[in-house]
Amino acid sequence: MADFSARVWNYSELRSALENSLPPLKVTDDPAEIQRAVSARAHTIREARTDAKEGDLFTQAISAAFRTALAMEMDANTWKSIMDDNPGNFSIRINHTYPEGKPLSTVPPNVLAALPRLPDDIEYRFVGRHLILLDMRAYLIVDWIPFAIESPSSVEFSSRRCDNTTPSDKCSDTAAVSISRTR
């Protein structure tokens, strides 16, 4: 995981250097001004990372290590916590803005404890079963791990039925149902 930490801290240092060329952030209640500042940061970072692609931070080896760590933390409560406010699947594009209006999933404390610490304003988030790295200052998707998590082998949900092939926004409402792996 040291390789990942070095990669994410390098990204953070690049972002900080790029922010020095932008006007300083001001405290404001004006949503339009906030959006302009976020968009300016996103544009500046995109320009500096024109060749950004999947795997720049989450290499194959790093992705495999993350999947293993996540699998060890996945139980019924963790799965439910992740899926409760999960935005479901949408097109994930590296170096592009997180879609406006989509909720941000909660990352449970046990999952955060199992993963490397991140620089300020860079966060792990789940989109369906995928793990993304999100720059909260620019609202940019920095990288992602496709299919980072799987549902536990047997889980009871009290209000939704999902399995590891169903996007969370397509889950059906039921009383209490069992979920089994399809693999």
Protein backbone atom coordinates (compact mmCIF):
# COMPACT_ATOMS: atom_id res chain seq x y z
CA MET A 1 0.00 0.00 0.00
CA ALA A 2 3.04 2.28 0.22
CA ASP A 3 2.97 2.62 -3.58
CA PHE A 4 -0.65 3.82 -3.43
CA SER A 5 0.11 6.29 -0.65
CA ALA A 6 2.98 7.77 -2.68
CA ARG A 7 0.73 8.08 -5.75
CA VAL A 8 -2.13 9.77 -3.89
CA TRP A 9 0.20 12.16 -2.05
CA ASN A 10 1.83 13.06 -5.40
CA TYR A 11 -1.63 13.90 -6.74
CA SER A 12 -2.32 16.01 -3.64
CA GLU A 13 0.95 17.92 -4.09
CA LEU A 14 0.14 18.54 -7.78
CA ARG A 15 -3.32 19.84 -6.81
CA SER A 16 -1.81 22.16 -4.18
CA ALA A 17 0.74 23.54 -6.64
CA LEU A 18 -2.00 24.14 -9.22
CA GLU A 19 -4.22 25.86 -6.65
CA ASN A 20 -1.45 28.43 -6.08
CA SER A 21 -2.16 29.76 -9.57
CA LEU A 22 -5.85 30.29 -8.76
CA PRO A 23 -7.50 33.11 -6.84
CA PRO A 24 -7.73 32.28 -3.12
CA LEU A 25 -11.01 30.83 -1.89
CA LYS A 26 -13.31 33.26 -0.13
CA VAL A 27 -15.90 32.53 2.50
CA THR A 28 -19.25 33.08 0.82
CA ASP A 29 -22.89 32.04 0.94
CA ASP A 30 -23.24 32.49 -2.82
CA PRO A 31 -23.65 29.03 -4.43
CA ALA A 32 -22.70 30.41 -7.86
CA GLU A 33 -19.39 31.73 -6.53
CA ILE A 34 -18.65 28.41 -4.82
CA GLN A 35 -19.44 26.54 -8.05
CA ARG A 36 -17.15 28.85 -10.05
CA ALA A 37 -14.27 28.19 -7.63
CA VAL A 38 -14.80 24.42 -7.74
CA SER A 39 -15.09 24.47 -11.55
CA ALA A 40 -11.89 26.52 -11.86
CA ARG A 41 -10.02 23.97 -9.73
CA ALA A 42 -11.45 21.08 -11.73
CA HIS A 43 -10.51 22.72 -15.03
CA THR A 44 -6.95 23.46 -13.86
CA ILE A 45 -6.44 19.88 -12.62
CA ARG A 46 -7.95 18.39 -15.80
CA GLU A 47 -5.57 20.48 -17.92
CA ALA A 48 -2.57 19.29 -15.90
CA ARG A 49 -3.72 15.65 -16.05
CA THR A 50 -4.86 15.40 -19.68
CA ASP A 51 -3.51 11.84 -19.89
CA ALA A 52 -5.15 10.69 -16.63
CA LYS A 53 -6.58 7.19 -16.89
CA GLU A 54 -7.86 4.32 -14.81
CA GLY A 55 -5.00 2.72 -12.93
CA ASP A 56 -2.85 5.83 -12.47
CA LEU A 57 -3.31 5.58 -8.70
CA PHE A 58 -5.12 2.24 -8.33
CA THR A 59 -2.73 0.01 -10.29
CA GLN A 60 -3.68 -3.65 -10.81
CA ALA A 61 -1.64 -4.73 -7.80
CA ILE A 62 -3.02 -1.93 -5.62
CA SER A 63 -6.58 -2.72 -6.75
CA ALA A 64 -6.11 -6.38 -5.84
CA ALA A 65 -4.81 -5.42 -2.37
CA PHE A 66 -7.77 -3.05 -1.86
CA ARG A 67 -10.28 -5.73 -2.94
CA THR A 68 -8.75 -8.13 -0.41
CA ALA A 69 -8.87 -5.54 2.38
CA LEU A 70 -12.45 -4.62 1.50
CA ALA A 71 -13.55 -8.28 1.39
CA MET A 72 -12.20 -8.79 4.89
CA GLU A 73 -14.33 -5.89 6.17
CA MET A 74 -17.52 -6.78 4.31
CA ASP A 75 -20.33 -8.05 6.49
CA ALA A 76 -24.09 -7.46 6.44
CA ASN A 77 -23.90 -4.19 8.40
CA THR A 78 -21.05 -2.80 6.31
CA TRP A 79 -22.81 -3.71 3.06
CA LYS A 80 -26.06 -2.13 4.26
CA SER A 81 -24.27 1.04 5.33
CA ILE A 82 -22.56 1.36 1.94
CA MET A 83 -25.75 0.65 -0.03
CA ASP A 84 -28.10 2.84 2.05
CA ASP A 85 -27.07 6.12 0.42
CA ASN A 86 -25.18 4.66 -2.54
CA PRO A 87 -25.87 6.63 -5.74
CA GLY A 88 -26.03 3.42 -7.79
CA ASN A 89 -24.15 2.90 -11.01
CA PHE A 90 -23.39 5.73 -13.40
CA SER A 91 -20.70 6.31 -15.99
CA ILE A 92 -17.42 6.81 -14.13
CA ARG A 93 -14.93 8.89 -16.05
CA ILE A 94 -11.47 9.55 -14.68
CA ASN A 95 -10.57 13.24 -14.45
CA HIS A 96 -14.23 14.25 -14.83
CA THR A 97 -16.62 15.86 -12.40
CA TYR A 98 -18.73 13.76 -10.05
CA PRO A 99 -22.33 14.13 -11.31
CA GLU A 100 -24.25 16.97 -9.74
CA GLY A 101 -27.19 15.86 -7.65
CA LYS A 102 -25.87 12.33 -7.07
CA PRO A 103 -25.56 11.44 -3.38
CA LEU A 104 -22.21 10.57 -1.86
CA SER A 105 -22.11 7.17 -0.21
CA THR A 106 -21.01 6.73 3.36
CA VAL A 107 -17.77 4.86 3.87
CA PRO A 108 -18.11 2.97 7.17
CA PRO A 109 -15.43 3.47 9.84
CA ASN A 110 -14.25 -0.15 9.64
CA VAL A 111 -13.61 0.26 5.91
CA LEU A 112 -11.76 3.55 6.39
CA ALA A 113 -9.60 1.93 9.08
CA ALA A 114 -8.63 -0.87 6.68
CA LEU A 115 -7.53 1.48 3.88
CA PRO A 116 -4.59 3.88 3.64
CA ARG A 117 -5.11 7.36 5.05
CA LEU A 118 -5.74 10.03 2.43
CA PRO A 119 -4.65 13.66 2.16
CA ASP A 120 -7.18 16.33 3.15
CA ASP A 121 -10.15 16.69 0.82
CA ILE A 122 -9.51 13.44 -1.04
CA GLU A 123 -12.03 10.77 -0.13
CA TYR A 124 -12.99 7.18 -0.81
CA ARG A 125 -16.60 6.80 -2.03
CA PHE A 126 -18.64 3.93 -3.41
CA VAL A 127 -20.59 4.10 -6.66
CA GLY A 128 -22.57 0.88 -6.86
CA ARG A 129 -19.92 -1.77 -6.11
CA HIS A 130 -17.08 0.40 -7.39
CA LEU A 131 -14.68 2.37 -5.20
CA ILE A 132 -13.74 5.84 -6.42
CA LEU A 133 -11.17 8.32 -5.24
CA LEU A 134 -12.86 11.72 -5.16
CA ASP A 135 -11.14 15.10 -4.93
CA MET A 136 -13.61 17.10 -2.85
CA ARG A 137 -12.00 20.48 -3.65
CA ALA A 138 -12.60 20.04 -7.37
CA TYR A 139 -15.30 17.34 -7.22
CA LEU A 140 -13.18 15.28 -9.63
CA ILE A 141 -13.01 11.52 -9.92
CA VAL A 142 -9.27 10.87 -9.61
CA ASP A 143 -9.32 7.07 -10.13
CA TRP A 144 -11.49 4.03 -9.43
CA ILE A 145 -11.52 0.31 -8.73
CA PRO A 146 -14.26 -1.45 -10.69
CA PHE A 147 -16.19 -4.06 -8.69
CA ALA A 148 -14.23 -3.35 -5.52
CA ILE A 149 -16.81 -4.97 -3.24
CA GLU A 150 -19.12 -7.94 -3.29
CA SER A 151 -22.16 -8.53 -1.16
CA PRO A 152 -21.62 -10.87 1.78
CA SER A 153 -22.55 -14.49 1.04
CA SER A 154 -25.74 -14.27 3.11
CA VAL A 155 -27.31 -10.99 4.14
CA GLU A 156 -30.73 -10.00 5.36
CA PHE A 157 -32.10 -6.61 4.46
CA SER A 158 -35.35 -5.41 5.94
CA SER A 159 -36.48 -3.20 3.07
CA ARG A 160 -34.44 -3.78 -0.11
CA ARG A 161 -33.28 -6.77 -2.12
CA CYS A 162 -30.00 -6.42 -3.97
CA ASP A 163 -27.37 -8.79 -5.21
CA ASN A 164 -23.91 -8.23 -6.58
CA THR A 165 -25.17 -7.91 -10.16
CA THR A 166 -27.97 -5.42 -9.48
CA PRO A 167 -27.23 -1.69 -9.38
CA SER A 168 -28.37 -0.38 -6.01
CA ASP A 169 -30.86 1.98 -7.64
CA LYS A 170 -32.55 -1.05 -9.23
CA CYS A 171 -33.01 -3.00 -5.98
CA SER A 172 -36.51 -4.29 -5.37
CA ASP A 173 -38.45 -3.60 -2.20
CA THR A 174 -39.22 -6.69 -0.13
CA ALA A 175 -39.69 -7.62 3.49
CA ALA A 176 -36.60 -9.56 4.61
CA VAL A 177 -34.73 -11.50 1.96
CA SER A 178 -31.50 -13.43 1.65
CA ILE A 179 -28.82 -12.40 -0.79
CA SER A 180 -26.42 -14.95 -2.18
CA ARG A 181 -23.32 -14.57 -4.29
CA THR A 182 -23.88 -15.40 -7.92
CA ARG A 183 -20.26 -16.41 -8.48
